[in-house]
């Protein structure tokens, strides 16, 4: 196990905003505004941290060679490649990992959307070439001409996709499978596979068994609605006791920041997010999910507001005549506040129910 208490961090990793503009919690308890890509940013912080990254490599890649990787074995070199990466890909990471006999380069790509990226193999091929080119240049600076010798070898590269979507990953994992005539010319085509770690594929029980900080982050990251909170109330007390005892203070701060990003994604109110992250930073895991009832109440409140607005739309339409039952059911069954707001304005201006339906596209 790693020496957790000996590892220090300043906790200054970039904060984040959610899509609605809610800020994530900084390690000092303040709100920071540095990155509007909240989904990417939350998972990016996992790979920025040495303890969490080591836990990921040991317990989530299913590669025996990485079972003993410790936090001090990895070095983040992502900044070398940021100018070359595609716009908006600042969530991707490159790590240099020291193994017993050699160095290994880890390319971690965070995919937060549920839609599968079918050209991932080619994207990773470009990244691999960038990393190997940088390595070659670095070795030439140390010893000119070394890369042209018979003994020179390039380091292994492990391409990993940390997938936060809910759909099954169906993209080809080998670049060769994306190339025409691979059955005939396969030996001449770049042939490599990348690892996919799909967060949603883990059951809560599987994550709890791991008993590490990353498992807690992934338990929260799996949530897709307030209704999912109740599934976390059965987590054994021993799980939280072990985390509370062994987790260093700086990592509690970081976990609070990461989870805040995920909770804002679910539109959990800021007050509740701050209360939740305060518990994490204080190591108060034993009562961590007691407040989730409040989130369910908040979801009920949102539903009530939507129902009230839907009723207002119907009241305006009833002034114009008899509203077909099918149209009534459609309006009352809509929870999208933005859509209901548009319908309310259209209903207020419509001269007939037919005109409203035409303008609303119903």
Protein backbone atom coordinates (compact mmCIF):
# COMPACT_ATOMS: atom_id res chain seq x y z
CA UNK A 1 0.00 0.00 0.00
CA UNK A 2 1.18 3.53 -0.63
CA UNK A 3 2.44 5.77 2.14
CA UNK A 4 -0.54 8.12 2.03
CA UNK A 5 0.40 10.49 4.82
CA UNK A 6 3.80 11.22 3.25
CA UNK A 7 2.27 12.48 0.02
CA UNK A 8 1.50 16.18 -0.05
CA UNK A 9 -0.40 18.29 -2.52
CA UNK A 10 -1.28 21.98 -2.52
CA UNK A 11 -4.84 21.27 -3.64
CA UNK A 12 -4.72 23.92 -6.34
CA UNK A 13 -5.98 21.81 -9.25
CA UNK A 14 -8.37 23.71 -11.49
CA UNK A 15 -11.93 24.17 -10.32
CA UNK A 16 -14.93 23.84 -12.56
CA UNK A 17 -18.33 25.15 -13.48
CA UNK A 18 -21.24 22.96 -14.33
CA UNK A 19 -23.29 23.56 -17.46
CA UNK A 20 -25.62 25.84 -15.51
CA UNK A 21 -22.73 27.94 -14.25
CA UNK A 22 -22.46 26.48 -10.74
CA UNK A 23 -18.89 26.56 -9.41
CA UNK A 24 -17.11 23.57 -7.94
CA UNK A 25 -15.64 23.66 -4.44
CA UNK A 26 -11.98 24.54 -4.12
CA UNK A 27 -9.66 22.94 -1.59
CA UNK A 28 -9.87 26.07 0.54
CA UNK A 29 -13.64 25.91 0.74
CA UNK A 30 -14.07 28.74 -1.77
CA UNK A 31 -15.63 28.50 -5.19
CA UNK A 32 -13.37 28.68 -8.20
CA UNK A 33 -14.16 29.50 -11.81
CA UNK A 34 -11.55 28.05 -14.14
CA UNK A 35 -13.12 25.56 -16.51
CA UNK A 36 -16.61 25.42 -17.96
CA UNK A 37 -16.23 21.77 -18.99
CA UNK A 38 -17.45 20.39 -15.67
CA UNK A 39 -17.88 16.78 -16.81
CA UNK A 40 -14.36 16.49 -18.19
CA UNK A 41 -12.84 18.49 -15.37
CA UNK A 42 -14.14 16.29 -12.57
CA UNK A 43 -12.61 13.12 -13.99
CA UNK A 44 -9.46 14.97 -15.09
CA UNK A 45 -8.75 15.71 -11.43
CA UNK A 46 -8.63 11.96 -10.83
CA UNK A 47 -5.70 11.54 -13.21
CA UNK A 48 -4.01 14.69 -11.92
CA UNK A 49 -3.76 13.23 -8.43
CA UNK A 50 -0.98 10.65 -7.80
CA UNK A 51 -2.91 8.54 -5.26
CA UNK A 52 -6.11 8.35 -7.33
CA UNK A 53 -4.17 7.70 -10.54
CA UNK A 54 -2.23 4.88 -8.86
CA UNK A 55 -5.47 3.37 -7.57
CA UNK A 56 -6.91 3.53 -11.07
CA UNK A 57 -3.90 1.76 -12.62
CA UNK A 58 -3.76 -0.94 -9.91
CA UNK A 59 -7.42 -1.73 -9.53
CA UNK A 60 -9.35 -0.70 -12.63
CA UNK A 61 -7.26 -1.51 -15.72
CA UNK A 62 -7.02 -5.28 -15.10
CA UNK A 63 -3.34 -5.31 -16.11
CA UNK A 64 -1.12 -7.47 -13.89
CA UNK A 65 2.00 -5.42 -14.63
CA UNK A 66 0.40 -2.41 -12.89
CA UNK A 67 -0.74 -4.16 -9.69
CA UNK A 68 2.06 -2.63 -7.62
CA UNK A 69 2.15 0.92 -9.02
CA UNK A 70 2.53 3.51 -6.25
CA UNK A 71 1.74 7.27 -6.32
CA UNK A 72 5.42 8.20 -6.40
CA UNK A 73 5.92 6.10 -9.55
CA UNK A 74 4.03 8.46 -11.87
CA UNK A 75 4.86 11.87 -13.30
CA UNK A 76 2.36 14.05 -15.14
CA UNK A 77 3.72 15.34 -18.47
CA UNK A 78 0.43 16.44 -20.05
CA UNK A 79 1.57 20.05 -20.46
CA UNK A 80 4.08 19.01 -23.09
CA UNK A 81 1.27 18.02 -25.44
CA UNK A 82 -1.49 20.56 -24.76
CA UNK A 83 -0.47 22.85 -27.67
CA UNK A 84 -0.68 19.88 -30.07
CA UNK A 85 -3.97 18.43 -28.86
CA UNK A 86 -7.32 19.21 -30.36
CA UNK A 87 -9.19 22.22 -29.02
CA UNK A 88 -11.19 21.37 -25.94
CA UNK A 89 -9.14 18.26 -25.10
CA UNK A 90 -7.47 19.72 -22.01
CA UNK A 91 -9.17 16.95 -20.02
CA UNK A 92 -6.79 14.35 -21.51
CA UNK A 93 -3.73 13.26 -19.55
CA UNK A 94 -0.32 11.77 -20.23
CA UNK A 95 1.59 10.12 -17.39
CA UNK A 96 5.09 8.71 -17.28
CA UNK A 97 4.91 5.64 -15.05
CA UNK A 98 8.09 4.04 -13.70
CA UNK A 99 7.95 0.25 -13.69
CA UNK A 100 10.59 -2.16 -12.43
CA UNK A 101 12.38 -2.63 -15.76
CA UNK A 102 11.31 0.37 -17.84
CA UNK A 103 9.10 3.42 -18.16
CA UNK A 104 5.54 3.21 -19.40
CA UNK A 105 3.52 6.09 -20.80
CA UNK A 106 -0.16 6.27 -19.95
CA UNK A 107 -2.52 8.21 -22.18
CA UNK A 108 -5.83 8.75 -20.41
CA UNK A 109 -8.77 10.20 -22.30
CA UNK A 110 -11.88 11.25 -20.41
CA UNK A 111 -15.11 10.74 -22.33
CA UNK A 112 -18.05 12.14 -20.39
CA UNK A 113 -20.80 12.03 -22.99
CA UNK A 114 -23.07 9.01 -23.35
CA UNK A 115 -22.54 8.95 -27.11
CA UNK A 116 -19.77 6.56 -28.12
CA UNK A 117 -16.78 8.11 -29.92
CA UNK A 118 -16.26 5.73 -32.85
CA UNK A 119 -13.00 7.28 -34.03
CA UNK A 120 -11.29 6.87 -30.66
CA UNK A 121 -8.70 4.44 -32.05
CA UNK A 122 -7.44 7.02 -34.55
CA UNK A 123 -7.42 9.79 -31.93
CA UNK A 124 -5.27 7.59 -29.71
CA UNK A 125 -2.97 6.72 -32.59
CA UNK A 126 -2.27 10.44 -33.07
CA UNK A 127 -1.55 10.81 -29.36
CA UNK A 128 0.75 7.78 -29.38
CA UNK A 129 2.77 9.26 -32.24
CA UNK A 130 3.05 12.57 -30.35
CA UNK A 131 4.30 10.86 -27.20
CA UNK A 132 6.82 8.67 -29.05
CA UNK A 133 8.08 11.65 -31.05
CA UNK A 134 8.59 13.58 -27.81
CA UNK A 135 10.40 10.59 -26.28
CA UNK A 136 12.66 10.26 -29.30
CA UNK A 137 13.55 13.95 -29.16
CA UNK A 138 14.28 13.71 -25.44
CA UNK A 139 16.63 10.75 -25.92
CA UNK A 140 18.44 12.47 -28.78
CA UNK A 141 19.13 15.47 -26.56
CA UNK A 142 20.65 13.20 -23.95
CA UNK A 143 22.71 11.20 -26.44
CA UNK A 144 22.75 12.33 -30.08
CA UNK A 145 22.30 9.48 -32.56
CA UNK A 146 21.03 6.96 -29.98
CA UNK A 147 17.65 6.48 -31.68
CA UNK A 148 19.35 5.27 -34.86
CA UNK A 149 21.20 2.46 -33.10
CA UNK A 150 20.13 -1.18 -33.29
CA UNK A 151 19.69 -1.44 -29.52
CA UNK A 152 17.35 1.54 -29.13
CA UNK A 153 13.80 0.71 -28.06
CA UNK A 154 10.71 2.88 -27.68
CA UNK A 155 8.75 2.72 -24.43
CA UNK A 156 5.39 0.95 -24.16
CA UNK A 157 2.28 3.13 -24.22
CA UNK A 158 -0.99 2.23 -22.53
CA UNK A 159 -3.96 4.06 -24.09
CA UNK A 160 -6.94 4.21 -21.72
CA UNK A 161 -10.44 5.63 -22.13
CA UNK A 162 -12.18 6.51 -18.86
CA UNK A 163 -15.77 6.33 -20.08
CA UNK A 164 -18.51 8.05 -18.08
CA UNK A 165 -21.38 7.42 -20.49
CA UNK A 166 -24.32 5.09 -19.95
CA UNK A 167 -24.43 3.45 -23.39
CA UNK A 168 -22.32 0.34 -23.95
CA UNK A 169 -18.97 1.13 -25.58
CA UNK A 170 -19.29 -0.36 -29.07
CA UNK A 171 -16.46 1.42 -30.90
CA UNK A 172 -13.62 -0.66 -32.36
CA UNK A 173 -10.82 -0.93 -29.82
CA UNK A 174 -8.16 -1.83 -32.37
CA UNK A 175 -7.16 0.75 -34.98
CA UNK A 176 -6.68 -2.01 -37.55
CA UNK A 177 -10.41 -2.75 -37.42
CA UNK A 178 -11.09 0.77 -38.73
CA UNK A 179 -9.00 0.29 -41.88
CA UNK A 180 -10.17 -1.14 -45.23
CA UNK A 181 -8.65 -4.45 -46.38
CA UNK A 182 -7.32 -5.23 -42.90
CA UNK A 183 -7.91 -8.92 -43.59
CA UNK A 184 -5.49 -8.77 -46.52
CA UNK A 185 -3.03 -6.07 -45.48
CA UNK A 186 -3.37 -6.42 -41.71
CA UNK A 187 0.34 -6.98 -41.08
CA UNK A 188 1.11 -3.53 -42.59
CA UNK A 189 -1.49 -1.62 -40.55
CA UNK A 190 -0.82 -0.20 -37.03
CA UNK A 191 -2.13 -2.86 -34.69
CA UNK A 192 -2.90 -1.89 -31.08
CA UNK A 193 -5.82 -1.94 -28.67
CA UNK A 194 -6.87 0.58 -26.06
CA UNK A 195 -8.39 -0.11 -22.66
CA UNK A 196 -11.91 1.10 -21.88
CA UNK A 197 -12.88 1.58 -18.24
CA UNK A 198 -16.65 2.20 -18.26
CA UNK A 199 -17.79 3.69 -14.95
CA UNK A 200 -21.39 2.57 -15.41
CA UNK A 201 -20.40 -1.09 -15.83
CA UNK A 202 -19.31 -1.41 -12.20
CA UNK A 203 -21.96 -2.43 -9.69
CA UNK A 204 -22.05 -0.63 -6.35
CA UNK A 205 -20.99 -3.88 -4.69
CA UNK A 206 -17.91 -4.20 -6.91
CA UNK A 207 -16.83 -0.63 -6.13
CA UNK A 208 -17.42 -1.00 -2.39
CA UNK A 209 -15.20 -4.11 -2.36
CA UNK A 210 -12.27 -2.04 -3.61
CA UNK A 211 -12.34 0.12 -0.44
CA UNK A 212 -10.37 2.97 -1.95
CA UNK A 213 -11.05 6.67 -2.48
CA UNK A 214 -11.53 6.24 -6.21
CA UNK A 215 -14.39 3.82 -5.59
CA UNK A 216 -16.27 6.52 -3.63
CA UNK A 217 -15.80 9.00 -6.48
CA UNK A 218 -17.06 6.45 -9.00
CA UNK A 219 -20.09 5.63 -6.83
CA UNK A 220 -21.12 9.30 -7.01
CA UNK A 221 -20.14 9.61 -10.67
CA UNK A 222 -22.52 6.77 -11.56
CA UNK A 223 -25.52 8.80 -10.37
CA UNK A 224 -27.69 10.09 -13.18
CA UNK A 225 -30.67 11.48 -11.24
CA UNK A 226 -31.79 12.32 -7.72
CA UNK A 227 -33.73 9.05 -7.67
CA UNK A 228 -30.41 7.17 -7.75
CA UNK A 229 -29.33 8.55 -4.36
CA UNK A 230 -31.39 5.99 -2.46
CA UNK A 231 -29.23 3.21 -3.93
CA UNK A 232 -26.27 4.46 -1.90
CA UNK A 233 -27.91 4.28 1.52
CA UNK A 234 -27.07 0.60 1.95
CA UNK A 235 -23.29 1.11 1.85
CA UNK A 236 -21.70 -0.73 4.83
CA UNK A 237 -20.45 1.45 7.67
CA UNK A 238 -17.07 -0.34 7.57
CA UNK A 239 -16.48 1.06 4.08
CA UNK A 240 -16.67 4.64 5.33
CA UNK A 241 -14.73 3.92 8.51
CA UNK A 242 -11.78 2.61 6.51
CA UNK A 243 -11.81 5.60 4.18
CA UNK A 244 -12.03 8.01 7.10
CA UNK A 245 -9.02 6.43 8.82
CA UNK A 246 -6.62 6.22 5.89
CA UNK A 247 -7.43 9.19 3.64
CA UNK A 248 -5.03 12.18 3.94
CA UNK A 249 -6.55 15.62 4.43
CA UNK A 250 -5.52 17.01 1.04
CA UNK A 251 -7.20 14.07 -0.70
CA UNK A 252 -10.43 14.66 1.24
CA UNK A 253 -10.37 18.21 -0.11
CA UNK A 254 -9.82 16.96 -3.65
CA UNK A 255 -12.53 14.30 -3.42
CA UNK A 256 -14.94 16.99 -2.25
CA UNK A 257 -14.07 19.10 -5.26
CA UNK A 258 -14.50 16.23 -7.74
CA UNK A 259 -17.80 15.08 -6.27
CA UNK A 260 -19.10 18.66 -6.24
CA UNK A 261 -18.68 18.73 -10.01
CA UNK A 262 -20.71 15.53 -10.36
CA UNK A 263 -23.47 16.75 -8.02
CA UNK A 264 -23.80 20.05 -9.88
CA UNK A 265 -24.26 17.97 -13.01
CA UNK A 266 -27.41 16.58 -11.38
CA UNK A 267 -28.60 20.12 -10.59
CA UNK A 268 -28.28 19.52 -6.87
CA UNK A 269 -28.67 22.96 -5.19
CA UNK A 270 -25.47 24.72 -4.15
CA UNK A 271 -26.37 24.72 -0.44
CA UNK A 272 -26.73 20.94 -0.40
CA UNK A 273 -23.54 20.46 -2.41
CA UNK A 274 -21.61 22.61 0.07
CA UNK A 275 -23.06 20.66 2.99
CA UNK A 276 -22.12 17.36 1.36
CA UNK A 277 -18.57 18.41 0.46
CA UNK A 278 -18.04 19.88 3.94
CA UNK A 279 -18.78 16.41 5.35
CA UNK A 280 -16.23 14.86 3.00
CA UNK A 281 -13.54 17.41 3.85
CA UNK A 282 -14.18 16.77 7.53
CA UNK A 283 -13.95 13.00 7.08
CA UNK A 284 -17.55 12.60 8.32
CA UNK A 285 -18.31 9.62 6.11
CA UNK A 286 -20.62 7.93 8.60
CA UNK A 287 -23.43 10.43 7.87
CA UNK A 288 -22.50 11.06 4.27
CA UNK A 289 -25.74 9.95 2.67
CA UNK A 290 -28.17 11.01 5.39
CA UNK A 291 -28.88 14.26 3.54
CA UNK A 292 -29.78 12.55 0.28
CA UNK A 293 -33.43 12.66 1.32
CA UNK A 294 -33.16 16.41 0.82
CA UNK A 295 -32.10 15.86 -2.77
CA UNK A 296 -35.14 13.67 -3.37
CA UNK A 297 -37.28 16.45 -1.91
CA UNK A 298 -35.60 18.91 -4.25
CA UNK A 299 -36.45 16.67 -7.20
CA UNK A 300 -40.08 16.62 -6.02
CA UNK A 301 -40.06 20.41 -5.84
CA UNK A 302 -38.83 20.66 -9.42
CA UNK A 303 -41.56 18.27 -10.52
CA UNK A 304 -44.15 20.36 -8.69
CA UNK A 305 -42.97 23.53 -10.42
CA UNK A 306 -43.19 21.81 -13.80
CA UNK A 307 -46.68 20.58 -13.01
CA UNK A 308 -47.74 24.10 -12.01
CA UNK A 309 -46.44 25.57 -15.26
CA UNK A 310 -48.11 22.81 -17.30
CA UNK A 311 -51.42 23.61 -15.58
CA UNK A 312 -50.97 27.28 -16.47
CA UNK A 313 -50.53 26.33 -20.14
CA UNK A 314 -53.73 24.27 -20.05
CA UNK A 315 -55.70 27.06 -18.37
CA UNK A 316 -54.81 29.45 -21.19
CA UNK A 317 -55.72 26.87 -23.83
CA UNK A 318 -59.07 26.08 -22.15
CA UNK A 319 -60.00 29.73 -22.65
CA UNK A 320 -59.75 29.05 -26.38
CA UNK A 321 -61.97 25.96 -26.37
CA UNK A 322 -61.92 22.23 -25.66
CA UNK A 323 -58.40 20.83 -25.37
CA UNK A 324 -58.02 17.30 -26.83
CA UNK A 325 -57.19 14.72 -24.15
CA UNK A 326 -54.05 13.64 -26.01
CA UNK A 327 -52.76 17.23 -25.96
CA UNK A 328 -53.62 17.57 -22.26
CA UNK A 329 -51.69 14.40 -21.44
CA UNK A 330 -48.68 15.56 -23.45
CA UNK A 331 -48.55 18.93 -21.70
CA UNK A 332 -49.06 17.51 -18.20
CA UNK A 333 -46.49 14.81 -18.84
CA UNK A 334 -43.73 17.29 -19.71
CA UNK A 335 -41.16 18.10 -17.01
CA UNK A 336 -38.90 20.24 -19.20
CA UNK A 337 -39.21 23.71 -17.65
CA UNK A 338 -37.69 25.43 -20.67
CA UNK A 339 -40.13 23.78 -23.05
CA UNK A 340 -43.06 24.55 -20.77
CA UNK A 341 -41.97 28.18 -20.64
CA UNK A 342 -42.07 28.38 -24.45
CA UNK A 343 -45.48 26.73 -24.52
CA UNK A 344 -46.78 29.18 -21.92
CA UNK A 345 -45.81 32.15 -24.07
CA UNK A 346 -47.32 30.56 -27.18
CA UNK A 347 -50.56 29.74 -25.35
CA UNK A 348 -50.85 33.33 -24.12
CA UNK A 349 -50.61 34.68 -27.69
CA UNK A 350 -52.51 31.96 -29.57
CA UNK A 351 -55.88 32.75 -31.07
CA UNK A 352 -56.88 29.08 -31.27
CA UNK A 353 -55.78 25.69 -29.99
CA UNK A 354 -54.89 24.69 -33.53
CA UNK A 355 -52.60 27.71 -33.86
CA UNK A 356 -50.90 26.81 -30.58
CA UNK A 357 -50.30 23.22 -31.74
CA UNK A 358 -48.86 24.38 -35.04
CA UNK A 359 -46.50 26.89 -33.46
CA UNK A 360 -45.47 24.46 -30.72
CA UNK A 361 -44.94 21.64 -33.20
CA UNK A 362 -47.43 19.37 -31.42
